[in-house]
Amino acid sequence: MGNAVPVAPAGSGYVFAIADGSEFYIPDALHVERDDELFLFADDEEAALAAERDGFPLIHGMEDVPDGVYLDTAENRAVILRGLEEFPECRKVSHSQQPEMDAGPTF
């Protein structure tokens, strides 16, 4: 992507990422993930909801793209369209299929 990846607010519990070789995310598309160092959210979906509440616009209603996962910019939409054309297996992948990680306390 031509633009810099935005930086999530410190301590927010989420990060913005660009996936390469993911089974879940469209290659090169900017999306929200849980910050696995903080474990403030159970999964990436909850982290994305928090990012949206914090004012980061996420894509909703785009064909073959799950709602509330990818950052909503013109450039990112173009990257997503190219990615879906090149990798049709990424169409409407449910991000709730991700393996669960225990976010509970460690002692």
PDB file of N, CA and C in Angstrom:
ATOM      1  N   MET A   1       0.841  -1.177   0.000  1.00  0.00           N
ATOM      2  CA  MET A   1       0.000   0.000   0.000  1.00  0.00           C
ATOM      3  C   MET A   1       0.884   1.237   0.000  1.00  0.00           C
ATOM      4  N   GLY A   2       0.428   2.264  -0.664  1.00  0.00           N
ATOM      5  CA  GLY A   2       1.195   3.483  -0.778  1.00  0.00           C
ATOM      6  C   GLY A   2       1.197   4.311   0.484  1.00  0.00           C
ATOM      7  N   ASN A   3       0.088   4.340   1.212  1.00  0.00           N
ATOM      8  CA  ASN A   3       0.006   5.147   2.418  1.00  0.00           C
ATOM      9  C   ASN A   3       0.580   4.386   3.602  1.00  0.00           C
ATOM     10  N   ALA A   4       1.013   5.130   4.601  1.00  0.00           N
ATOM     11  CA  ALA A   4       1.548   4.503   5.805  1.00  0.00           C
ATOM     12  C   ALA A   4       0.424   3.810   6.566  1.00  0.00           C
ATOM     13  N   VAL A   5       0.778   2.742   7.230  1.00  0.00           N
ATOM     14  CA  VAL A   5      -0.180   2.027   8.064  1.00  0.00           C
ATOM     15  C   VAL A   5      -0.453   2.888   9.297  1.00  0.00           C
ATOM     16  N   PRO A   6      -1.731   3.147   9.603  1.00  0.00           N
ATOM     17  CA  PRO A   6      -2.014   3.954  10.793  1.00  0.00           C
ATOM     18  C   PRO A   6      -1.578   3.231  12.057  1.00  0.00           C
ATOM     19  N   VAL A   7      -1.317   4.007  13.067  1.00  0.00           N
ATOM     20  CA  VAL A   7      -0.911   3.446  14.358  1.00  0.00           C
ATOM     21  C   VAL A   7      -2.087   3.559  15.311  1.00  0.00           C
ATOM     22  N   ALA A   8      -2.453   2.441  15.906  1.00  0.00           N
ATOM     23  CA  ALA A   8      -3.541   2.436  16.879  1.00  0.00           C
ATOM     24  C   ALA A   8      -3.096   3.178  18.134  1.00  0.00           C
ATOM     25  N   PRO A   9      -4.042   3.778  18.844  1.00  0.00           N
ATOM     26  CA  PRO A   9      -3.682   4.457  20.089  1.00  0.00           C
ATOM     27  C   PRO A   9      -3.002   3.495  21.070  1.00  0.00           C
ATOM     28  N   ALA A  10      -2.017   3.990  21.771  1.00  0.00           N
ATOM     29  CA  ALA A  10      -1.301   3.164  22.747  1.00  0.00           C
ATOM     30  C   ALA A  10      -2.280   2.578  23.760  1.00  0.00           C
ATOM     31  N   GLY A  11      -2.139   1.296  24.023  1.00  0.00           N
ATOM     32  CA  GLY A  11      -2.975   0.631  25.011  1.00  0.00           C
ATOM     33  C   GLY A  11      -4.387   0.333  24.545  1.00  0.00           C
ATOM     34  N   SER A  12      -4.667   0.526  23.259  1.00  0.00           N
ATOM     35  CA  SER A  12      -6.032   0.332  22.754  1.00  0.00           C
ATOM     36  C   SER A  12      -6.437  -1.133  22.677  1.00  0.00           C
ATOM     37  N   GLY A  13      -5.456  -2.018  22.571  1.00  0.00           N
ATOM     38  CA  GLY A  13      -5.765  -3.448  22.486  1.00  0.00           C
ATOM     39  C   GLY A  13      -5.925  -3.942  21.068  1.00  0.00           C
ATOM     40  N   TYR A  14      -5.731  -3.072  20.081  1.00  0.00           N
ATOM     41  CA  TYR A  14      -5.801  -3.494  18.684  1.00  0.00           C
ATOM     42  C   TYR A  14      -4.663  -2.866  17.899  1.00  0.00           C
ATOM     43  N   VAL A  15      -4.384  -3.468  16.751  1.00  0.00           N
ATOM     44  CA  VAL A  15      -3.359  -2.953  15.843  1.00  0.00           C
ATOM     45  C   VAL A  15      -3.919  -2.990  14.428  1.00  0.00           C
ATOM     46  N   PHE A  16      -3.339  -2.188  13.558  1.00  0.00           N
ATOM     47  CA  PHE A  16      -3.659  -2.249  12.140  1.00  0.00           C
ATOM     48  C   PHE A  16      -2.569  -3.071  11.478  1.00  0.00           C
ATOM     49  N   ALA A  17      -2.969  -3.967  10.599  1.00  0.00           N
ATOM     50  CA  ALA A  17      -2.009  -4.895  10.005  1.00  0.00           C
ATOM     51  C   ALA A  17      -2.311  -5.116   8.530  1.00  0.00           C
ATOM     52  N   ILE A  18      -1.290  -5.560   7.833  1.00  0.00           N
ATOM     53  CA  ILE A  18      -1.421  -5.971   6.441  1.00  0.00           C
ATOM     54  C   ILE A  18      -0.940  -7.416   6.381  1.00  0.00           C
ATOM     55  N   ALA A  19      -1.821  -8.299   5.951  1.00  0.00           N
ATOM     56  CA  ALA A  19      -1.506  -9.723   5.940  1.00  0.00           C
ATOM     57  C   ALA A  19      -0.842 -10.143   4.638  1.00  0.00           C
ATOM     58  N   ASP A  20       0.029 -11.106   4.768  1.00  0.00           N
ATOM     59  CA  ASP A  20       0.659 -11.732   3.610  1.00  0.00           C
ATOM     60  C   ASP A  20       0.700 -13.223   3.905  1.00  0.00           C
ATOM     61  N   GLY A  21      -0.012 -14.004   3.118  1.00  0.00           N
ATOM     62  CA  GLY A  21      -0.020 -15.448   3.330  1.00  0.00           C
ATOM     63  C   GLY A  21      -0.982 -15.897   4.415  1.00  0.00           C
ATOM     64  N   SER A  22      -1.983 -15.090   4.723  1.00  0.00           N
ATOM     65  CA  SER A  22      -2.960 -15.436   5.752  1.00  0.00           C
ATOM     66  C   SER A  22      -4.068 -16.301   5.167  1.00  0.00           C
ATOM     67  N   GLU A  23      -4.620 -17.173   5.983  1.00  0.00           N
ATOM     68  CA  GLU A  23      -5.787 -17.960   5.579  1.00  0.00           C
ATOM     69  C   GLU A  23      -7.071 -17.172   5.807  1.00  0.00           C
ATOM     70  N   PHE A  24      -7.000 -16.058   6.505  1.00  0.00           N
ATOM     71  CA  PHE A  24      -8.185 -15.315   6.898  1.00  0.00           C
ATOM     72  C   PHE A  24      -8.315 -13.952   6.247  1.00  0.00           C
ATOM     73  N   TYR A  25      -7.206 -13.291   5.977  1.00  0.00           N
ATOM     74  CA  TYR A  25      -7.254 -11.914   5.510  1.00  0.00           C
ATOM     75  C   TYR A  25      -6.853 -11.806   4.048  1.00  0.00           C
ATOM     76  N   ILE A  26      -7.451 -10.859   3.355  1.00  0.00           N
ATOM     77  CA  ILE A  26      -7.133 -10.595   1.959  1.00  0.00           C
ATOM     78  C   ILE A  26      -5.709 -10.034   1.901  1.00  0.00           C
ATOM     79  N   PRO A  27      -4.848 -10.628   1.065  1.00  0.00           N
ATOM     80  CA  PRO A  27      -3.456 -10.176   1.012  1.00  0.00           C
ATOM     81  C   PRO A  27      -3.338  -8.679   0.724  1.00  0.00           C
ATOM     82  N   ASP A  28      -2.451  -8.043   1.473  1.00  0.00           N
ATOM     83  CA  ASP A  28      -2.097  -6.627   1.321  1.00  0.00           C
ATOM     84  C   ASP A  28      -3.183  -5.647   1.751  1.00  0.00           C
ATOM     85  N   ALA A  29      -4.311  -6.140   2.257  1.00  0.00           N
ATOM     86  CA  ALA A  29      -5.395  -5.253   2.696  1.00  0.00           C
ATOM     87  C   ALA A  29      -5.216  -4.890   4.174  1.00  0.00           C
ATOM     88  N   LEU A  30      -5.408  -3.635   4.467  1.00  0.00           N
ATOM     89  CA  LEU A  30      -5.250  -3.111   5.818  1.00  0.00           C
ATOM     90  C   LEU A  30      -6.471  -3.478   6.655  1.00  0.00           C
ATOM     91  N   HIS A  31      -6.236  -4.162   7.765  1.00  0.00           N
ATOM     92  CA  HIS A  31      -7.322  -4.642   8.622  1.00  0.00           C
ATOM     93  C   HIS A  31      -6.954  -4.473  10.092  1.00  0.00           C
ATOM     94  N   VAL A  32      -7.918  -4.762  10.959  1.00  0.00           N
ATOM     95  CA  VAL A  32      -7.717  -4.642  12.402  1.00  0.00           C
ATOM     96  C   VAL A  32      -7.509  -6.029  12.994  1.00  0.00           C
ATOM     97  N   GLU A  33      -6.541  -6.139  13.880  1.00  0.00           N
ATOM     98  CA  GLU A  33      -6.306  -7.363  14.637  1.00  0.00           C
ATOM     99  C   GLU A  33      -6.176  -7.025  16.117  1.00  0.00           C
ATOM    100  N   ARG A  34      -6.441  -8.006  16.935  1.00  0.00           N
ATOM    101  CA  ARG A  34      -6.212  -7.858  18.373  1.00  0.00           C
ATOM    102  C   ARG A  34      -4.713  -7.738  18.620  1.00  0.00           C
ATOM    103  N   ASP A  35      -4.336  -6.878  19.550  1.00  0.00           N
ATOM    104  CA  ASP A  35      -2.942  -6.769  19.982  1.00  0.00           C
ATOM    105  C   ASP A  35      -2.678  -7.937  20.921  1.00  0.00           C
ATOM    106  N   ASP A  36      -1.973  -8.938  20.426  1.00  0.00           N
ATOM    107  CA  ASP A  36      -1.757 -10.162  21.201  1.00  0.00           C
ATOM    108  C   ASP A  36      -0.809  -9.970  22.383  1.00  0.00           C
ATOM    109  N   GLU A  37      -0.165  -8.827  22.476  1.00  0.00           N
ATOM    110  CA  GLU A  37       0.665  -8.554  23.648  1.00  0.00           C
ATOM    111  C   GLU A  37      -0.183  -8.080  24.823  1.00  0.00           C
ATOM    112  N   LEU A  38      -1.311  -7.431  24.536  1.00  0.00           N
ATOM    113  CA  LEU A  38      -2.160  -6.893  25.601  1.00  0.00           C
ATOM    114  C   LEU A  38      -3.330  -7.805  25.965  1.00  0.00           C
ATOM    115  N   PHE A  39      -3.847  -8.568  24.993  1.00  0.00           N
ATOM    116  CA  PHE A  39      -4.988  -9.469  25.220  1.00  0.00           C
ATOM    117  C   PHE A  39      -6.164  -8.767  25.890  1.00  0.00           C
ATOM    118  N   LEU A  40      -6.530  -7.585  25.391  1.00  0.00           N
ATOM    119  CA  LEU A  40      -7.678  -6.871  25.941  1.00  0.00           C
ATOM    120  C   LEU A  40      -8.995  -7.356  25.351  1.00  0.00           C
ATOM    121  N   PHE A  41      -8.924  -8.067  24.228  1.00  0.00           N
ATOM    122  CA  PHE A  41     -10.121  -8.551  23.543  1.00  0.00           C
ATOM    123  C   PHE A  41      -9.995 -10.051  23.306  1.00  0.00           C
ATOM    124  N   ALA A  42     -11.130 -10.708  23.223  1.00  0.00           N
ATOM    125  CA  ALA A  42     -11.141 -12.156  23.022  1.00  0.00           C
ATOM    126  C   ALA A  42     -10.650 -12.541  21.633  1.00  0.00           C
ATOM    127  N   ASP A  43     -10.903 -11.673  20.639  1.00  0.00           N
ATOM    128  CA  ASP A  43     -10.521 -12.010  19.270  1.00  0.00           C
ATOM    129  C   ASP A  43     -10.405 -10.742  18.426  1.00  0.00           C
ATOM    130  N   ASP A  44     -10.078 -10.935  17.151  1.00  0.00           N
ATOM    131  CA  ASP A  44      -9.913  -9.810  16.233  1.00  0.00           C
ATOM    132  C   ASP A  44     -11.224  -9.066  15.994  1.00  0.00           C
ATOM    133  N   GLU A  45     -12.338  -9.791  16.017  1.00  0.00           N
ATOM    134  CA  GLU A  45     -13.640  -9.141  15.789  1.00  0.00           C
ATOM    135  C   GLU A  45     -13.955  -8.133  16.885  1.00  0.00           C
ATOM    136  N   GLU A  46     -13.700  -8.507  18.138  1.00  0.00           N
ATOM    137  CA  GLU A  46     -13.935  -7.568  19.242  1.00  0.00           C
ATOM    138  C   GLU A  46     -12.980  -6.380  19.146  1.00  0.00           C
ATOM    139  N   ALA A  47     -11.745  -6.641  18.745  1.00  0.00           N
ATOM    140  CA  ALA A  47     -10.770  -5.566  18.600  1.00  0.00           C
ATOM    141  C   ALA A  47     -11.212  -4.593  17.504  1.00  0.00           C
ATOM    142  N   ALA A  48     -11.752  -5.122  16.405  1.00  0.00           N
ATOM    143  CA  ALA A  48     -12.223  -4.271  15.313  1.00  0.00           C
ATOM    144  C   ALA A  48     -13.395  -3.403  15.760  1.00  0.00           C
ATOM    145  N   LEU A  49     -14.286  -3.951  16.575  1.00  0.00           N
ATOM    146  CA  LEU A  49     -15.395  -3.148  17.106  1.00  0.00           C
ATOM    147  C   LEU A  49     -14.866  -1.979  17.929  1.00  0.00           C
ATOM    148  N   ALA A  50     -13.820  -2.231  18.710  1.00  0.00           N
ATOM    149  CA  ALA A  50     -13.226  -1.163  19.519  1.00  0.00           C
ATOM    150  C   ALA A  50     -12.592  -0.100  18.625  1.00  0.00           C
ATOM    151  N   ALA A  51     -11.918  -0.521  17.562  1.00  0.00           N
ATOM    152  CA  ALA A  51     -11.304   0.440  16.641  1.00  0.00           C
ATOM    153  C   ALA A  51     -12.373   1.321  16.004  1.00  0.00           C
ATOM    154  N   GLU A  52     -13.488   0.711  15.659  1.00  0.00           N
ATOM    155  CA  GLU A  52     -14.576   1.475  15.055  1.00  0.00           C
ATOM    156  C   GLU A  52     -15.181   2.456  16.067  1.00  0.00           C
ATOM    157  N   ARG A  53     -15.325   2.021  17.309  1.00  0.00           N
ATOM    158  CA  ARG A  53     -15.828   2.930  18.355  1.00  0.00           C
ATOM    159  C   ARG A  53     -14.881   4.098  18.566  1.00  0.00           C
ATOM    160  N   ASP A  54     -13.590   3.848  18.351  1.00  0.00           N
ATOM    161  CA  ASP A  54     -12.584   4.906  18.505  1.00  0.00           C
ATOM    162  C   ASP A  54     -12.525   5.842  17.298  1.00  0.00           C
ATOM    163  N   GLY A  55     -13.360   5.590  16.296  1.00  0.00           N
ATOM    164  CA  GLY A  55     -13.452   6.505  15.171  1.00  0.00           C
ATOM    165  C   GLY A  55     -12.769   6.072  13.890  1.00  0.00           C
ATOM    166  N   PHE A  56     -12.191   4.871  13.861  1.00  0.00           N
ATOM    167  CA  PHE A  56     -11.571   4.388  12.633  1.00  0.00           C
ATOM    168  C   PHE A  56     -12.652   3.761  11.751  1.00  0.00           C
ATOM    169  N   PRO A  57     -12.830   4.273  10.529  1.00  0.00           N
ATOM    170  CA  PRO A  57     -13.892   3.746   9.668  1.00  0.00           C
ATOM    171  C   PRO A  57     -13.520   2.377   9.102  1.00  0.00           C
ATOM    172  N   LEU A  58     -14.438   1.441   9.244  1.00  0.00           N
ATOM    173  CA  LEU A  58     -14.233   0.100   8.705  1.00  0.00           C
ATOM    174  C   LEU A  58     -15.266  -0.160   7.619  1.00  0.00           C
ATOM    175  N   ILE A  59     -14.923  -1.027   6.699  1.00  0.00           N
ATOM    176  CA  ILE A  59     -15.792  -1.319   5.562  1.00  0.00           C
ATOM    177  C   ILE A  59     -16.996  -2.143   5.997  1.00  0.00           C
ATOM    178  N   HIS A  60     -18.165  -1.720   5.534  1.00  0.00           N
ATOM    179  CA  HIS A  60     -19.420  -2.458   5.712  1.00  0.00           C
ATOM    180  C   HIS A  60     -20.139  -2.466   4.368  1.00  0.00           C
ATOM    181  N   GLY A  61     -20.756  -3.588   4.036  1.00  0.00           N
ATOM    182  CA  GLY A  61     -21.588  -3.669   2.844  1.00  0.00           C
ATOM    183  C   GLY A  61     -20.844  -3.832   1.531  1.00  0.00           C
ATOM    184  N   MET A  62     -19.578  -4.208   1.582  1.00  0.00           N
ATOM    185  CA  MET A  62     -18.825  -4.452   0.351  1.00  0.00           C
ATOM    186  C   MET A  62     -18.963  -5.918  -0.017  1.00  0.00           C
ATOM    187  N   GLU A  63     -19.348  -6.186  -1.252  1.00  0.00           N
ATOM    188  CA  GLU A  63     -19.593  -7.557  -1.692  1.00  0.00           C
ATOM    189  C   GLU A  63     -18.378  -8.461  -1.455  1.00  0.00           C
ATOM    190  N   ASP A  64     -18.637  -9.639  -0.906  1.00  0.00           N
ATOM    191  CA  ASP A  64     -17.632 -10.680  -0.655  1.00  0.00           C
ATOM    192  C   ASP A  64     -16.621 -10.319   0.431  1.00  0.00           C
ATOM    193  N   VAL A  65     -16.906  -9.266   1.191  1.00  0.00           N
ATOM    194  CA  VAL A  65     -15.990  -8.827   2.243  1.00  0.00           C
ATOM    195  C   VAL A  65     -16.750  -8.798   3.567  1.00  0.00           C
ATOM    196  N   PRO A  66     -16.223  -9.448   4.606  1.00  0.00           N
ATOM    197  CA  PRO A  66     -16.919  -9.398   5.891  1.00  0.00           C
ATOM    198  C   PRO A  66     -16.973  -7.975   6.440  1.00  0.00           C
ATOM    199  N   ASP A  67     -18.081  -7.633   7.048  1.00  0.00           N
ATOM    200  CA  ASP A  67     -18.254  -6.294   7.617  1.00  0.00           C
ATOM    201  C   ASP A  67     -17.338  -6.075   8.817  1.00  0.00           C
ATOM    202  N   GLY A  68     -16.845  -4.829   8.928  1.00  0.00           N
ATOM    203  CA  GLY A  68     -16.135  -4.418  10.128  1.00  0.00           C
ATOM    204  C   GLY A  68     -14.785  -5.060  10.340  1.00  0.00           C
ATOM    205  N   VAL A  69     -14.061  -5.355   9.276  1.00  0.00           N
ATOM    206  CA  VAL A  69     -12.740  -5.983   9.404  1.00  0.00           C
ATOM    207  C   VAL A  69     -11.651  -5.092   8.817  1.00  0.00           C
ATOM    208  N   TYR A  70     -11.913  -4.533   7.643  1.00  0.00           N
ATOM    209  CA  TYR A  70     -10.919  -3.788   6.876  1.00  0.00           C
ATOM    210  C   TYR A  70     -11.131  -2.279   6.997  1.00  0.00           C
ATOM    211  N   LEU A  71     -10.029  -1.542   7.075  1.00  0.00           N
ATOM    212  CA  LEU A  71     -10.086  -0.086   7.152  1.00  0.00           C
ATOM    213  C   LEU A  71     -10.705   0.463   5.870  1.00  0.00           C
ATOM    214  N   ASP A  72     -11.615   1.414   6.015  1.00  0.00           N
ATOM    215  CA  ASP A  72     -12.352   1.946   4.873  1.00  0.00           C
ATOM    216  C   ASP A  72     -11.657   3.176   4.299  1.00  0.00           C
ATOM    217  N   THR A  73     -10.829   2.937   3.292  1.00  0.00           N
ATOM    218  CA  THR A  73     -10.215   4.004   2.511  1.00  0.00           C
ATOM    219  C   THR A  73     -10.359   3.609   1.041  1.00  0.00           C
ATOM    220  N   ALA A  74     -10.283   4.589   0.160  1.00  0.00           N
ATOM    221  CA  ALA A  74     -10.378   4.297  -1.271  1.00  0.00           C
ATOM    222  C   ALA A  74      -9.249   3.362  -1.705  1.00  0.00           C
ATOM    223  N   GLU A  75      -8.058   3.626  -1.199  1.00  0.00           N
ATOM    224  CA  GLU A  75      -6.911   2.781  -1.560  1.00  0.00           C
ATOM    225  C   GLU A  75      -7.103   1.348  -1.060  1.00  0.00           C
ATOM    226  N   ASN A  76      -7.589   1.188   0.164  1.00  0.00           N
ATOM    227  CA  ASN A  76      -7.769  -0.152   0.706  1.00  0.00           C
ATOM    228  C   ASN A  76      -8.859  -0.908  -0.047  1.00  0.00           C
ATOM    229  N   ARG A  77      -9.921  -0.212  -0.442  1.00  0.00           N
ATOM    230  CA  ARG A  77     -10.971  -0.863  -1.243  1.00  0.00           C
ATOM    231  C   ARG A  77     -10.408  -1.359  -2.572  1.00  0.00           C
ATOM    232  N   ALA A  78      -9.530  -0.573  -3.196  1.00  0.00           N
ATOM    233  CA  ALA A  78      -8.908  -0.993  -4.450  1.00  0.00           C
ATOM    234  C   ALA A  78      -8.016  -2.221  -4.234  1.00  0.00           C
ATOM    235  N   VAL A  79      -7.259  -2.217  -3.144  1.00  0.00           N
ATOM    236  CA  VAL A  79      -6.410  -3.370  -2.806  1.00  0.00           C
ATOM    237  C   VAL A  79      -7.277  -4.606  -2.590  1.00  0.00           C
ATOM    238  N   ILE A  80      -8.389  -4.449  -1.903  1.00  0.00           N
ATOM    239  CA  ILE A  80      -9.294  -5.568  -1.640  1.00  0.00           C
ATOM    240  C   ILE A  80      -9.856  -6.123  -2.940  1.00  0.00           C
ATOM    241  N   LEU A  81     -10.300  -5.258  -3.835  1.00  0.00           N
ATOM    242  CA  LEU A  81     -10.841  -5.724  -5.115  1.00  0.00           C
ATOM    243  C   LEU A  81      -9.794  -6.504  -5.912  1.00  0.00           C
ATOM    244  N   ARG A  82      -8.567  -5.995  -5.942  1.00  0.00           N
ATOM    245  CA  ARG A  82      -7.487  -6.721  -6.629  1.00  0.00           C
ATOM    246  C   ARG A  82      -7.221  -8.059  -5.946  1.00  0.00           C
ATOM    247  N   GLY A  83      -7.209  -8.049  -4.617  1.00  0.00           N
ATOM    248  CA  GLY A  83      -6.947  -9.271  -3.869  1.00  0.00           C
ATOM    249  C   GLY A  83      -8.017 -10.332  -4.089  1.00  0.00           C
ATOM    250  N   LEU A  84      -9.272  -9.908  -4.130  1.00  0.00           N
ATOM    251  CA  LEU A  84     -10.358 -10.862  -4.351  1.00  0.00           C
ATOM    252  C   LEU A  84     -10.317 -11.441  -5.756  1.00  0.00           C
ATOM    253  N   GLU A  85      -9.863 -10.643  -6.699  1.00  0.00           N
ATOM    254  CA  GLU A  85      -9.731 -11.140  -8.069  1.00  0.00           C
ATOM    255  C   GLU A  85      -8.606 -12.163  -8.159  1.00  0.00           C
ATOM    256  N   GLU A  86      -7.501 -11.865  -7.493  1.00  0.00           N
ATOM    257  CA  GLU A  86      -6.338 -12.743  -7.537  1.00  0.00           C
ATOM    258  C   GLU A  86      -6.486 -13.958  -6.621  1.00  0.00           C
ATOM    259  N   PHE A  87      -7.189 -13.786  -5.512  1.00  0.00           N
ATOM    260  CA  PHE A  87      -7.351 -14.858  -4.524  1.00  0.00           C
ATOM    261  C   PHE A  87      -8.833 -15.054  -4.218  1.00  0.00           C
ATOM    262  N   PRO A  88      -9.591 -15.667  -5.128  1.00  0.00           N
ATOM    263  CA  PRO A  88     -11.041 -15.815  -4.914  1.00  0.00           C
ATOM    264  C   PRO A  88     -11.391 -16.625  -3.673  1.00  0.00           C
ATOM    265  N   GLU A  89     -10.473 -17.411  -3.183  1.00  0.00           N
ATOM    266  CA  GLU A  89     -10.733 -18.180  -1.958  1.00  0.00           C
ATOM    267  C   GLU A  89     -10.888 -17.279  -0.731  1.00  0.00           C
ATOM    268  N   CYS A  90     -10.506 -16.017  -0.846  1.00  0.00           N
ATOM    269  CA  CYS A  90     -10.632 -15.067   0.261  1.00  0.00           C
ATOM    270  C   CYS A  90     -12.019 -14.432   0.329  1.00  0.00           C
ATOM    271  N   ARG A  91     -12.878 -14.750  -0.609  1.00  0.00           N
ATOM    272  CA  ARG A  91     -14.212 -14.140  -0.628  1.00  0.00           C
ATOM    273  C   ARG A  91     -15.019 -14.566   0.593  1.00  0.00           C
ATOM    274  N   LYS A  92     -15.456 -13.570   1.339  1.00  0.00           N
ATOM    275  CA  LYS A  92     -16.360 -13.732   2.484  1.00  0.00           C
ATOM    276  C   LYS A  92     -15.872 -14.775   3.484  1.00  0.00           C
ATOM    277  N   VAL A  93     -14.573 -14.807   3.737  1.00  0.00           N
ATOM    278  CA  VAL A  93     -14.034 -15.688   4.760  1.00  0.00           C
ATOM    279  C   VAL A  93     -14.525 -15.190   6.109  1.00  0.00           C
ATOM    280  N   SER A  94     -15.062 -16.092   6.895  1.00  0.00           N
ATOM    281  CA  SER A  94     -15.523 -15.725   8.228  1.00  0.00           C
ATOM    282  C   SER A  94     -14.334 -15.628   9.160  1.00  0.00           C
ATOM    283  N   HIS A  95     -14.148 -14.464   9.731  1.00  0.00           N
ATOM    284  CA  HIS A  95     -13.012 -14.286  10.632  1.00  0.00           C
ATOM    285  C   HIS A  95     -13.260 -14.887  11.992  1.00  0.00           C
ATOM    286  N   SER A  96     -14.471 -15.343  12.240  1.00  0.00           N
ATOM    287  CA  SER A  96     -14.734 -16.041  13.499  1.00  0.00           C
ATOM    288  C   SER A  96     -14.216 -17.462  13.442  1.00  0.00           C
ATOM    289  N   GLN A  97     -13.694 -17.899  12.289  1.00  0.00           N
ATOM    290  CA  GLN A  97     -13.121 -19.235  12.162  1.00  0.00           C
ATOM    291  C   GLN A  97     -11.698 -19.285  12.699  1.00  0.00           C
ATOM    292  N   GLN A  98     -11.175 -18.165  13.129  1.00  0.00           N
ATOM    293  CA  GLN A  98      -9.814 -18.138  13.621  1.00  0.00           C
ATOM    294  C   GLN A  98      -9.692 -19.003  14.862  1.00  0.00           C
ATOM    295  N   PRO A  99      -8.547 -19.620  15.041  1.00  0.00           N
ATOM    296  CA  PRO A  99      -8.364 -20.410  16.252  1.00  0.00           C
ATOM    297  C   PRO A  99      -8.439 -19.509  17.480  1.00  0.00           C
ATOM    298  N   GLU A 100      -9.123 -19.965  18.489  1.00  0.00           N
ATOM    299  CA  GLU A 100      -9.251 -19.197  19.730  1.00  0.00           C
ATOM    300  C   GLU A 100      -7.946 -19.255  20.508  1.00  0.00           C
ATOM    301  N   MET A 101      -7.602 -18.158  21.106  1.00  0.00           N
ATOM    302  CA  MET A 101      -6.442 -18.117  21.989  1.00  0.00           C
ATOM    303  C   MET A 101      -6.964 -17.744  23.374  1.00  0.00           C
ATOM    304  N   ASP A 102      -6.484 -18.420  24.373  1.00  0.00           N
ATOM    305  CA  ASP A 102      -6.911 -18.141  25.727  1.00  0.00           C
ATOM    306  C   ASP A 102      -6.342 -16.807  26.169  1.00  0.00           C
ATOM    307  N   ALA A 103      -7.245 -15.838  26.399  1.00  0.00           N
ATOM    308  CA  ALA A 103      -6.803 -14.516  26.818  1.00  0.00           C
ATOM    309  C   ALA A 103      -6.821 -14.378  28.334  1.00  0.00           C
ATOM    310  N   GLY A 104      -6.984 -15.486  29.019  1.00  0.00           N
ATOM    311  CA  GLY A 104      -7.053 -15.456  30.473  1.00  0.00           C
ATOM    312  C   GLY A 104      -5.711 -15.162  31.112  1.00  0.00           C
ATOM    313  N   PRO A 105      -5.721 -14.942  32.411  1.00  0.00           N
ATOM    314  CA  PRO A 105      -4.475 -14.615  33.107  1.00  0.00           C
ATOM    315  C   PRO A 105      -3.506 -15.781  33.120  1.00  0.00           C
ATOM    316  N   THR A 106      -2.240 -15.451  33.125  1.00  0.00           N
ATOM    317  CA  THR A 106      -1.202 -16.466  33.274  1.00  0.00           C
ATOM    318  C   THR A 106      -0.511 -16.224  34.603  1.00  0.00           C
ATOM    319  N   PHE A 107      -0.220 -17.283  35.271  1.00  0.00           N
ATOM    320  CA  PHE A 107       0.417 -17.161  36.590  1.00  0.00           C
ATOM    321  C   PHE A 107       1.768 -17.804  36.591  1.00  0.00           C
TER     322      PHE A 107
END
